[in-house]
Amino acid sequence: GDYFRAFPMRDADGLKVGNLSAYQGRPSWIYGVVDAPLSSPPIRGVVVAEDGTRVPVDSISVSGSHISFGMTLPFPIRDVRSVEVIDASGSTRLTARLSAE
């Protein structure tokens, strides 16, 4: 692979609550771990590409305040703007920004 990086996962107030690991290779992948109680449990994760394309995260697991998720990516890490965890109301609860917007 070309590189491996970690990015902070932040809540809506900007507080770091976890980490997103990103691997650029064949295949490229992401894996996130968060330990933060959420008032509304997340129901899905989304990878947002630089061009605005939104790709659902394949796997997300919630156990109490522990959230983990991951997937292989259909495009290179350099094309990822952010990864979001979204709750049942459709609100973005957690975000890892991989590029300067």
PDB file of N, CA and C in Angstrom:
ATOM      1  N   GLY A   1       0.807  -1.187   0.000  1.00  0.00           N
ATOM      2  CA  GLY A   1       0.000   0.000   0.000  1.00  0.00           C
ATOM      3  C   GLY A   1       0.855   1.257   0.000  1.00  0.00           C
ATOM      4  N   ASP A   2       0.231   2.367  -0.259  1.00  0.00           N
ATOM      5  CA  ASP A   2       0.937   3.650  -0.345  1.00  0.00           C
ATOM      6  C   ASP A   2       1.079   4.333   1.004  1.00  0.00           C
ATOM      7  N   TYR A   3       0.022   4.309   1.827  1.00  0.00           N
ATOM      8  CA  TYR A   3       0.120   4.940   3.142  1.00  0.00           C
ATOM      9  C   TYR A   3      -1.027   4.527   4.043  1.00  0.00           C
ATOM     10  N   PHE A   4      -0.845   4.789   5.330  1.00  0.00           N
ATOM     11  CA  PHE A   4      -1.830   4.523   6.369  1.00  0.00           C
ATOM     12  C   PHE A   4      -1.892   5.770   7.237  1.00  0.00           C
ATOM     13  N   ARG A   5      -3.098   6.310   7.469  1.00  0.00           N
ATOM     14  CA  ARG A   5      -3.248   7.519   8.286  1.00  0.00           C
ATOM     15  C   ARG A   5      -4.423   7.374   9.234  1.00  0.00           C
ATOM     16  N   ALA A   6      -4.381   8.144  10.306  1.00  0.00           N
ATOM     17  CA  ALA A   6      -5.493   8.200  11.252  1.00  0.00           C
ATOM     18  C   ALA A   6      -6.032   9.622  11.281  1.00  0.00           C
ATOM     19  N   PHE A   7      -7.342   9.729  11.371  1.00  0.00           N
ATOM     20  CA  PHE A   7      -8.029  11.019  11.417  1.00  0.00           C
ATOM     21  C   PHE A   7      -8.948  11.031  12.629  1.00  0.00           C
ATOM     22  N   PRO A   8      -9.094  12.178  13.298  1.00  0.00           N
ATOM     23  CA  PRO A   8     -10.005  12.231  14.442  1.00  0.00           C
ATOM     24  C   PRO A   8     -11.473  12.177  14.010  1.00  0.00           C
ATOM     25  N   MET A   9     -12.268  11.434  14.759  1.00  0.00           N
ATOM     26  CA  MET A   9     -13.725  11.466  14.602  1.00  0.00           C
ATOM     27  C   MET A   9     -14.218  12.487  15.607  1.00  0.00           C
ATOM     28  N   ARG A  10     -15.019  13.433  15.159  1.00  0.00           N
ATOM     29  CA  ARG A  10     -15.492  14.510  16.030  1.00  0.00           C
ATOM     30  C   ARG A  10     -17.012  14.534  16.068  1.00  0.00           C
ATOM     31  N   ASP A  11     -17.532  14.940  17.247  1.00  0.00           N
ATOM     32  CA  ASP A  11     -18.981  15.096  17.370  1.00  0.00           C
ATOM     33  C   ASP A  11     -19.382  16.482  16.843  1.00  0.00           C
ATOM     34  N   ALA A  12     -20.659  16.804  16.958  1.00  0.00           N
ATOM     35  CA  ALA A  12     -21.177  18.070  16.418  1.00  0.00           C
ATOM     36  C   ALA A  12     -20.556  19.294  17.085  1.00  0.00           C
ATOM     37  N   ASP A  13     -20.040  19.140  18.311  1.00  0.00           N
ATOM     38  CA  ASP A  13     -19.393  20.253  19.011  1.00  0.00           C
ATOM     39  C   ASP A  13     -17.893  20.331  18.719  1.00  0.00           C
ATOM     40  N   GLY A  14     -17.387  19.421  17.890  1.00  0.00           N
ATOM     41  CA  GLY A  14     -15.972  19.425  17.548  1.00  0.00           C
ATOM     42  C   GLY A  14     -15.094  18.639  18.496  1.00  0.00           C
ATOM     43  N   LEU A  15     -15.696  17.970  19.480  1.00  0.00           N
ATOM     44  CA  LEU A  15     -14.943  17.182  20.456  1.00  0.00           C
ATOM     45  C   LEU A  15     -14.498  15.866  19.824  1.00  0.00           C
ATOM     46  N   LYS A  16     -13.221  15.526  19.978  1.00  0.00           N
ATOM     47  CA  LYS A  16     -12.714  14.259  19.456  1.00  0.00           C
ATOM     48  C   LYS A  16     -13.265  13.112  20.298  1.00  0.00           C
ATOM     49  N   VAL A  17     -13.933  12.162  19.636  1.00  0.00           N
ATOM     50  CA  VAL A  17     -14.555  11.042  20.327  1.00  0.00           C
ATOM     51  C   VAL A  17     -14.071   9.688  19.811  1.00  0.00           C
ATOM     52  N   GLY A  18     -13.179   9.711  18.826  1.00  0.00           N
ATOM     53  CA  GLY A  18     -12.681   8.462  18.269  1.00  0.00           C
ATOM     54  C   GLY A  18     -11.708   8.716  17.139  1.00  0.00           C
ATOM     55  N   ASN A  19     -11.375   7.650  16.435  1.00  0.00           N
ATOM     56  CA  ASN A  19     -10.420   7.727  15.333  1.00  0.00           C
ATOM     57  C   ASN A  19     -10.927   6.967  14.121  1.00  0.00           C
ATOM     58  N   LEU A  20     -10.559   7.467  12.959  1.00  0.00           N
ATOM     59  CA  LEU A  20     -10.804   6.792  11.700  1.00  0.00           C
ATOM     60  C   LEU A  20      -9.446   6.452  11.105  1.00  0.00           C
ATOM     61  N   SER A  21      -9.215   5.179  10.833  1.00  0.00           N
ATOM     62  CA  SER A  21      -7.990   4.747  10.169  1.00  0.00           C
ATOM     63  C   SER A  21      -8.293   4.599   8.685  1.00  0.00           C
ATOM     64  N   ALA A  22      -7.363   5.035   7.851  1.00  0.00           N
ATOM     65  CA  ALA A  22      -7.550   4.966   6.406  1.00  0.00           C
ATOM     66  C   ALA A  22      -6.292   4.391   5.769  1.00  0.00           C
ATOM     67  N   TYR A  23      -6.475   3.412   4.911  1.00  0.00           N
ATOM     68  CA  TYR A  23      -5.367   2.748   4.238  1.00  0.00           C
ATOM     69  C   TYR A  23      -5.501   2.950   2.740  1.00  0.00           C
ATOM     70  N   GLN A  24      -4.463   3.476   2.122  1.00  0.00           N
ATOM     71  CA  GLN A  24      -4.433   3.634   0.673  1.00  0.00           C
ATOM     72  C   GLN A  24      -3.661   2.463   0.087  1.00  0.00           C
ATOM     73  N   GLY A  25      -4.332   1.610  -0.639  1.00  0.00           N
ATOM     74  CA  GLY A  25      -3.698   0.439  -1.234  1.00  0.00           C
ATOM     75  C   GLY A  25      -4.676  -0.256  -2.156  1.00  0.00           C
ATOM     76  N   ARG A  26      -4.450  -1.554  -2.370  1.00  0.00           N
ATOM     77  CA  ARG A  26      -5.343  -2.332  -3.218  1.00  0.00           C
ATOM     78  C   ARG A  26      -5.844  -3.513  -2.415  1.00  0.00           C
ATOM     79  N   PRO A  27      -7.000  -3.449  -1.783  1.00  0.00           N
ATOM     80  CA  PRO A  27      -7.931  -2.314  -1.843  1.00  0.00           C
ATOM     81  C   PRO A  27      -7.632  -1.257  -0.778  1.00  0.00           C
ATOM     82  N   SER A  28      -8.180  -0.063  -0.985  1.00  0.00           N
ATOM     83  CA  SER A  28      -8.158   0.977   0.051  1.00  0.00           C
ATOM     84  C   SER A  28      -9.307   0.694   1.000  1.00  0.00           C
ATOM     85  N   TRP A  29      -9.124   1.044   2.287  1.00  0.00           N
ATOM     86  CA  TRP A  29     -10.189   0.790   3.249  1.00  0.00           C
ATOM     87  C   TRP A  29     -10.171   1.817   4.372  1.00  0.00           C
ATOM     88  N   ILE A  30     -11.275   1.840   5.109  1.00  0.00           N
ATOM     89  CA  ILE A  30     -11.392   2.675   6.312  1.00  0.00           C
ATOM     90  C   ILE A  30     -11.890   1.804   7.451  1.00  0.00           C
ATOM     91  N   TYR A  31     -11.534   2.207   8.680  1.00  0.00           N
ATOM     92  CA  TYR A  31     -12.068   1.548   9.876  1.00  0.00           C
ATOM     93  C   TYR A  31     -12.149   2.606  10.976  1.00  0.00           C
ATOM     94  N   GLY A  32     -13.313   2.765  11.570  1.00  0.00           N
ATOM     95  CA  GLY A  32     -13.504   3.769  12.609  1.00  0.00           C
ATOM     96  C   GLY A  32     -13.914   3.145  13.927  1.00  0.00           C
ATOM     97  N   VAL A  33     -13.427   3.741  15.019  1.00  0.00           N
ATOM     98  CA  VAL A  33     -13.800   3.325  16.372  1.00  0.00           C
ATOM     99  C   VAL A  33     -14.111   4.579  17.173  1.00  0.00           C
ATOM    100  N   VAL A  34     -15.264   4.574  17.827  1.00  0.00           N
ATOM    101  CA  VAL A  34     -15.723   5.716  18.612  1.00  0.00           C
ATOM    102  C   VAL A  34     -16.212   5.219  19.961  1.00  0.00           C
ATOM    103  N   ASP A  35     -15.872   5.939  21.020  1.00  0.00           N
ATOM    104  CA  ASP A  35     -16.412   5.663  22.349  1.00  0.00           C
ATOM    105  C   ASP A  35     -17.050   6.943  22.854  1.00  0.00           C
ATOM    106  N   ALA A  36     -18.332   7.081  22.586  1.00  0.00           N
ATOM    107  CA  ALA A  36     -19.061   8.280  23.000  1.00  0.00           C
ATOM    108  C   ALA A  36     -20.543   7.955  23.080  1.00  0.00           C
ATOM    109  N   PRO A  37     -21.168   8.273  24.191  1.00  0.00           N
ATOM    110  CA  PRO A  37     -22.608   8.062  24.256  1.00  0.00           C
ATOM    111  C   PRO A  37     -23.330   9.043  23.334  1.00  0.00           C
ATOM    112  N   LEU A  38     -24.255   8.537  22.556  1.00  0.00           N
ATOM    113  CA  LEU A  38     -25.045   9.390  21.669  1.00  0.00           C
ATOM    114  C   LEU A  38     -26.495   9.358  22.132  1.00  0.00           C
ATOM    115  N   SER A  39     -27.135  10.511  22.119  1.00  0.00           N
ATOM    116  CA  SER A  39     -28.532  10.572  22.564  1.00  0.00           C
ATOM    117  C   SER A  39     -29.452   9.847  21.592  1.00  0.00           C
ATOM    118  N   SER A  40     -29.079   9.776  20.332  1.00  0.00           N
ATOM    119  CA  SER A  40     -29.845   9.046  19.325  1.00  0.00           C
ATOM    120  C   SER A  40     -28.880   8.108  18.610  1.00  0.00           C
ATOM    121  N   PRO A  41     -29.073   6.805  18.730  1.00  0.00           N
ATOM    122  CA  PRO A  41     -28.108   5.868  18.161  1.00  0.00           C
ATOM    123  C   PRO A  41     -27.918   6.066  16.657  1.00  0.00           C
ATOM    124  N   PRO A  42     -26.699   5.906  16.173  1.00  0.00           N
ATOM    125  CA  PRO A  42     -26.484   6.002  14.732  1.00  0.00           C
ATOM    126  C   PRO A  42     -27.083   4.799  14.029  1.00  0.00           C
ATOM    127  N   ILE A  43     -27.528   5.014  12.819  1.00  0.00           N
ATOM    128  CA  ILE A  43     -28.060   3.894  12.060  1.00  0.00           C
ATOM    129  C   ILE A  43     -27.231   3.597  10.818  1.00  0.00           C
ATOM    130  N   ARG A  44     -26.387   4.548  10.409  1.00  0.00           N
ATOM    131  CA  ARG A  44     -25.592   4.278   9.221  1.00  0.00           C
ATOM    132  C   ARG A  44     -24.372   5.170   9.157  1.00  0.00           C
ATOM    133  N   GLY A  45     -23.435   4.734   8.371  1.00  0.00           N
ATOM    134  CA  GLY A  45     -22.256   5.530   8.086  1.00  0.00           C
ATOM    135  C   GLY A  45     -22.237   5.850   6.600  1.00  0.00           C
ATOM    136  N   VAL A  46     -21.607   6.962   6.250  1.00  0.00           N
ATOM    137  CA  VAL A  46     -21.541   7.388   4.855  1.00  0.00           C
ATOM    138  C   VAL A  46     -20.148   7.924   4.568  1.00  0.00           C
ATOM    139  N   VAL A  47     -19.577   7.490   3.443  1.00  0.00           N
ATOM    140  CA  VAL A  47     -18.327   8.054   2.942  1.00  0.00           C
ATOM    141  C   VAL A  47     -18.700   9.103   1.909  1.00  0.00           C
ATOM    142  N   VAL A  48     -18.186  10.324   2.081  1.00  0.00           N
ATOM    143  CA  VAL A  48     -18.492  11.414   1.159  1.00  0.00           C
ATOM    144  C   VAL A  48     -17.244  11.691   0.312  1.00  0.00           C
ATOM    145  N   ALA A  49     -17.379  11.524  -0.996  1.00  0.00           N
ATOM    146  CA  ALA A  49     -16.262  11.755  -1.911  1.00  0.00           C
ATOM    147  C   ALA A  49     -16.113  13.246  -2.200  1.00  0.00           C
ATOM    148  N   GLU A  50     -14.957  13.630  -2.709  1.00  0.00           N
ATOM    149  CA  GLU A  50     -14.695  15.027  -3.057  1.00  0.00           C
ATOM    150  C   GLU A  50     -15.717  15.577  -4.049  1.00  0.00           C
ATOM    151  N   ASP A  51     -16.237  14.719  -4.936  1.00  0.00           N
ATOM    152  CA  ASP A  51     -17.222  15.177  -5.930  1.00  0.00           C
ATOM    153  C   ASP A  51     -18.648  15.170  -5.389  1.00  0.00           C
ATOM    154  N   GLY A  52     -18.812  14.844  -4.081  1.00  0.00           N
ATOM    155  CA  GLY A  52     -20.135  14.850  -3.463  1.00  0.00           C
ATOM    156  C   GLY A  52     -20.829  13.500  -3.448  1.00  0.00           C
ATOM    157  N   THR A  53     -20.271  12.522  -4.143  1.00  0.00           N
ATOM    158  CA  THR A  53     -20.845  11.175  -4.120  1.00  0.00           C
ATOM    159  C   THR A  53     -20.878  10.657  -2.690  1.00  0.00           C
ATOM    160  N   ARG A  54     -21.997  10.034  -2.316  1.00  0.00           N
ATOM    161  CA  ARG A  54     -22.164   9.490  -0.969  1.00  0.00           C
ATOM    162  C   ARG A  54     -22.299   7.974  -1.077  1.00  0.00           C
ATOM    163  N   VAL A  55     -21.395   7.254  -0.389  1.00  0.00           N
ATOM    164  CA  VAL A  55     -21.371   5.794  -0.445  1.00  0.00           C
ATOM    165  C   VAL A  55     -21.653   5.266   0.962  1.00  0.00           C
ATOM    166  N   PRO A  56     -22.678   4.406   1.119  1.00  0.00           N
ATOM    167  CA  PRO A  56     -22.976   3.868   2.447  1.00  0.00           C
ATOM    168  C   PRO A  56     -21.842   2.976   2.961  1.00  0.00           C
ATOM    169  N   VAL A  57     -21.570   3.074   4.255  1.00  0.00           N
ATOM    170  CA  VAL A  57     -20.592   2.201   4.895  1.00  0.00           C
ATOM    171  C   VAL A  57     -21.196   0.798   4.978  1.00  0.00           C
ATOM    172  N   ASP A  58     -20.390  -0.201   4.608  1.00  0.00           N
ATOM    173  CA  ASP A  58     -20.867  -1.590   4.570  1.00  0.00           C
ATOM    174  C   ASP A  58     -21.308  -2.114   5.922  1.00  0.00           C
ATOM    175  N   SER A  59     -20.542  -1.795   6.961  1.00  0.00           N
ATOM    176  CA  SER A  59     -20.773  -2.429   8.254  1.00  0.00           C
ATOM    177  C   SER A  59     -20.620  -1.407   9.372  1.00  0.00           C
ATOM    178  N   ILE A  60     -21.616  -1.338  10.258  1.00  0.00           N
ATOM    179  CA  ILE A  60     -21.531  -0.477  11.441  1.00  0.00           C
ATOM    180  C   ILE A  60     -22.103  -1.259  12.614  1.00  0.00           C
ATOM    181  N   SER A  61     -21.406  -1.189  13.744  1.00  0.00           N
ATOM    182  CA  SER A  61     -21.811  -1.926  14.936  1.00  0.00           C
ATOM    183  C   SER A  61     -21.896  -0.966  16.118  1.00  0.00           C
ATOM    184  N   VAL A  62     -22.983  -1.052  16.874  1.00  0.00           N
ATOM    185  CA  VAL A  62     -23.176  -0.211  18.052  1.00  0.00           C
ATOM    186  C   VAL A  62     -23.394  -1.115  19.257  1.00  0.00           C
ATOM    187  N   SER A  63     -22.598  -0.886  20.301  1.00  0.00           N
ATOM    188  CA  SER A  63     -22.752  -1.634  21.552  1.00  0.00           C
ATOM    189  C   SER A  63     -22.563  -0.634  22.691  1.00  0.00           C
ATOM    190  N   GLY A  64     -23.666  -0.194  23.274  1.00  0.00           N
ATOM    191  CA  GLY A  64     -23.591   0.837  24.310  1.00  0.00           C
ATOM    192  C   GLY A  64     -23.045   2.117  23.714  1.00  0.00           C
ATOM    193  N   SER A  65     -21.951   2.614  24.268  1.00  0.00           N
ATOM    194  CA  SER A  65     -21.356   3.846  23.748  1.00  0.00           C
ATOM    195  C   SER A  65     -20.227   3.552  22.754  1.00  0.00           C
ATOM    196  N   HIS A  66     -20.020   2.279  22.418  1.00  0.00           N
ATOM    197  CA  HIS A  66     -18.953   1.896  21.490  1.00  0.00           C
ATOM    198  C   HIS A  66     -19.524   1.713  20.081  1.00  0.00           C
ATOM    199  N   ILE A  67     -18.948   2.413  19.120  1.00  0.00           N
ATOM    200  CA  ILE A  67     -19.356   2.327  17.724  1.00  0.00           C
ATOM    201  C   ILE A  67     -18.131   1.934  16.914  1.00  0.00           C
ATOM    202  N   SER A  68     -18.280   0.966  16.031  1.00  0.00           N
ATOM    203  CA  SER A  68     -17.193   0.622  15.118  1.00  0.00           C
ATOM    204  C   SER A  68     -17.795   0.404  13.731  1.00  0.00           C
ATOM    205  N   PHE A  69     -17.000   0.708  12.725  1.00  0.00           N
ATOM    206  CA  PHE A  69     -17.470   0.554  11.350  1.00  0.00           C
ATOM    207  C   PHE A  69     -16.278   0.442  10.421  1.00  0.00           C
ATOM    208  N   GLY A  70     -16.531  -0.101   9.242  1.00  0.00           N
ATOM    209  CA  GLY A  70     -15.458  -0.214   8.279  1.00  0.00           C
ATOM    210  C   GLY A  70     -15.942  -0.694   6.931  1.00  0.00           C
ATOM    211  N   MET A  71     -15.076  -0.531   5.941  1.00  0.00           N
ATOM    212  CA  MET A  71     -15.390  -0.994   4.596  1.00  0.00           C
ATOM    213  C   MET A  71     -14.187  -0.810   3.674  1.00  0.00           C
ATOM    214  N   THR A  72     -14.178  -1.566   2.590  1.00  0.00           N
ATOM    215  CA  THR A  72     -13.245  -1.274   1.520  1.00  0.00           C
ATOM    216  C   THR A  72     -13.874  -0.171   0.682  1.00  0.00           C
ATOM    217  N   LEU A  73     -13.041   0.630   0.043  1.00  0.00           N
ATOM    218  CA  LEU A  73     -13.530   1.800  -0.696  1.00  0.00           C
ATOM    219  C   LEU A  73     -13.540   1.563  -2.200  1.00  0.00           C
ATOM    220  N   PRO A  74     -14.523   2.151  -2.901  1.00  0.00           N
ATOM    221  CA  PRO A  74     -14.578   2.014  -4.354  1.00  0.00           C
ATOM    222  C   PRO A  74     -13.687   3.034  -5.078  1.00  0.00           C
ATOM    223  N   PHE A  75     -12.964   3.861  -4.299  1.00  0.00           N
ATOM    224  CA  PHE A  75     -12.085   4.877  -4.879  1.00  0.00           C
ATOM    225  C   PHE A  75     -10.930   5.139  -3.919  1.00  0.00           C
ATOM    226  N   PRO A  76      -9.877   5.834  -4.353  1.00  0.00           N
ATOM    227  CA  PRO A  76      -8.716   6.079  -3.492  1.00  0.00           C
ATOM    228  C   PRO A  76      -9.043   6.989  -2.300  1.00  0.00           C
ATOM    229  N   ILE A  77      -8.270   6.837  -1.240  1.00  0.00           N
ATOM    230  CA  ILE A  77      -8.428   7.675  -0.044  1.00  0.00           C
ATOM    231  C   ILE A  77      -8.355   9.156  -0.402  1.00  0.00           C
ATOM    232  N   ARG A  78      -7.490   9.522  -1.337  1.00  0.00           N
ATOM    233  CA  ARG A  78      -7.340  10.944  -1.700  1.00  0.00           C
ATOM    234  C   ARG A  78      -8.642  11.555  -2.235  1.00  0.00           C
ATOM    235  N   ASP A  79      -9.579  10.701  -2.667  1.00  0.00           N
ATOM    236  CA  ASP A  79     -10.864  11.177  -3.191  1.00  0.00           C
ATOM    237  C   ASP A  79     -11.947  11.263  -2.121  1.00  0.00           C
ATOM    238  N   VAL A  80     -11.600  10.961  -0.857  1.00  0.00           N
ATOM    239  CA  VAL A  80     -12.579  11.005   0.242  1.00  0.00           C
ATOM    240  C   VAL A  80     -12.517  12.365   0.930  1.00  0.00           C
ATOM    241  N   ARG A  81     -13.647  13.049   1.009  1.00  0.00           N
ATOM    242  CA  ARG A  81     -13.740  14.315   1.735  1.00  0.00           C
ATOM    243  C   ARG A  81     -13.956  14.066   3.217  1.00  0.00           C
ATOM    244  N   SER A  82     -14.920  13.169   3.544  1.00  0.00           N
ATOM    245  CA  SER A  82     -15.238  12.912   4.947  1.00  0.00           C
ATOM    246  C   SER A  82     -15.943  11.569   5.087  1.00  0.00           C
ATOM    247  N   VAL A  83     -16.017  11.127   6.345  1.00  0.00           N
ATOM    248  CA  VAL A  83     -16.805   9.952   6.711  1.00  0.00           C
ATOM    249  C   VAL A  83     -17.727  10.412   7.826  1.00  0.00           C
ATOM    250  N   GLU A  84     -19.024  10.105   7.690  1.00  0.00           N
ATOM    251  CA  GLU A  84     -20.028  10.578   8.644  1.00  0.00           C
ATOM    252  C   GLU A  84     -20.788   9.417   9.253  1.00  0.00           C
ATOM    253  N   VAL A  85     -21.177   9.567  10.514  1.00  0.00           N
ATOM    254  CA  VAL A  85     -22.089   8.644  11.181  1.00  0.00           C
ATOM    255  C   VAL A  85     -23.385   9.414  11.389  1.00  0.00           C
ATOM    256  N   ILE A  86     -24.474   8.834  10.904  1.00  0.00           N
ATOM    257  CA  ILE A  86     -25.769   9.520  10.846  1.00  0.00           C
ATOM    258  C   ILE A  86     -26.770   8.794  11.732  1.00  0.00           C
ATOM    259  N   ASP A  87     -27.581   9.568  12.470  1.00  0.00           N
ATOM    260  CA  ASP A  87     -28.552   8.956  13.378  1.00  0.00           C
ATOM    261  C   ASP A  87     -29.889   8.701  12.688  1.00  0.00           C
ATOM    262  N   ALA A  88     -30.842   8.175  13.450  1.00  0.00           N
ATOM    263  CA  ALA A  88     -32.145   7.785  12.911  1.00  0.00           C
ATOM    264  C   ALA A  88     -32.921   8.959  12.321  1.00  0.00           C
ATOM    265  N   SER A  89     -32.655  10.184  12.789  1.00  0.00           N
ATOM    266  CA  SER A  89     -33.369  11.353  12.255  1.00  0.00           C
ATOM    267  C   SER A  89     -32.727  11.886  10.975  1.00  0.00           C
ATOM    268  N   GLY A  90     -31.569  11.309  10.590  1.00  0.00           N
ATOM    269  CA  GLY A  90     -30.860  11.778   9.401  1.00  0.00           C
ATOM    270  C   GLY A  90     -29.821  12.840   9.693  1.00  0.00           C
ATOM    271  N   SER A  91     -29.615  13.141  10.973  1.00  0.00           N
ATOM    272  CA  SER A  91     -28.629  14.149  11.366  1.00  0.00           C
ATOM    273  C   SER A  91     -27.239  13.533  11.451  1.00  0.00           C
ATOM    274  N   THR A  92     -26.244  14.265  10.968  1.00  0.00           N
ATOM    275  CA  THR A  92     -24.861  13.821  11.093  1.00  0.00           C
ATOM    276  C   THR A  92     -24.423  14.026  12.528  1.00  0.00           C
ATOM    277  N   ARG A  93     -24.021  12.936  13.198  1.00  0.00           N
ATOM    278  CA  ARG A  93     -23.625  12.989  14.603  1.00  0.00           C
ATOM    279  C   ARG A  93     -22.117  13.028  14.783  1.00  0.00           C
ATOM    280  N   LEU A  94     -21.382  12.329  13.894  1.00  0.00           N
ATOM    281  CA  LEU A  94     -19.930  12.242  13.992  1.00  0.00           C
ATOM    282  C   LEU A  94     -19.337  12.417  12.604  1.00  0.00           C
ATOM    283  N   THR A  95     -18.175  13.064  12.548  1.00  0.00           N
ATOM    284  CA  THR A  95     -17.527  13.304  11.255  1.00  0.00           C
ATOM    285  C   THR A  95     -16.022  13.176  11.383  1.00  0.00           C
ATOM    286  N   ALA A  96     -15.411  12.532  10.397  1.00  0.00           N
ATOM    287  CA  ALA A  96     -13.954  12.560  10.233  1.00  0.00           C
ATOM    288  C   ALA A  96     -13.705  13.261   8.902  1.00  0.00           C
ATOM    289  N   ARG A  97     -12.944  14.340   8.931  1.00  0.00           N
ATOM    290  CA  ARG A  97     -12.623  15.072   7.702  1.00  0.00           C
ATOM    291  C   ARG A  97     -11.247  14.625   7.216  1.00  0.00           C
ATOM    292  N   LEU A  98     -11.208  14.137   5.984  1.00  0.00           N
ATOM    293  CA  LEU A  98      -9.969  13.650   5.416  1.00  0.00           C
ATOM    294  C   LEU A  98      -9.308  14.680   4.522  1.00  0.00           C
ATOM    295  N   SER A  99     -10.050  15.722   4.152  1.00  0.00           N
ATOM    296  CA  SER A  99      -9.479  16.773   3.305  1.00  0.00           C
ATOM    297  C   SER A  99      -9.917  18.126   3.829  1.00  0.00           C
ATOM    298  N   ALA A 100      -9.146  19.146   3.465  1.00  0.00           N
ATOM    299  CA  ALA A 100      -9.540  20.526   3.806  1.00  0.00           C
ATOM    300  C   ALA A 100     -10.606  20.929   2.817  1.00  0.00           C
ATOM    301  N   GLU A 101     -11.768  21.295   3.313  1.00  0.00           N
ATOM    302  CA  GLU A 101     -12.889  21.622   2.410  1.00  0.00           C
ATOM    303  C   GLU A 101     -12.820  23.050   1.951  1.00  0.00           C
TER     304      GLU A 101
END
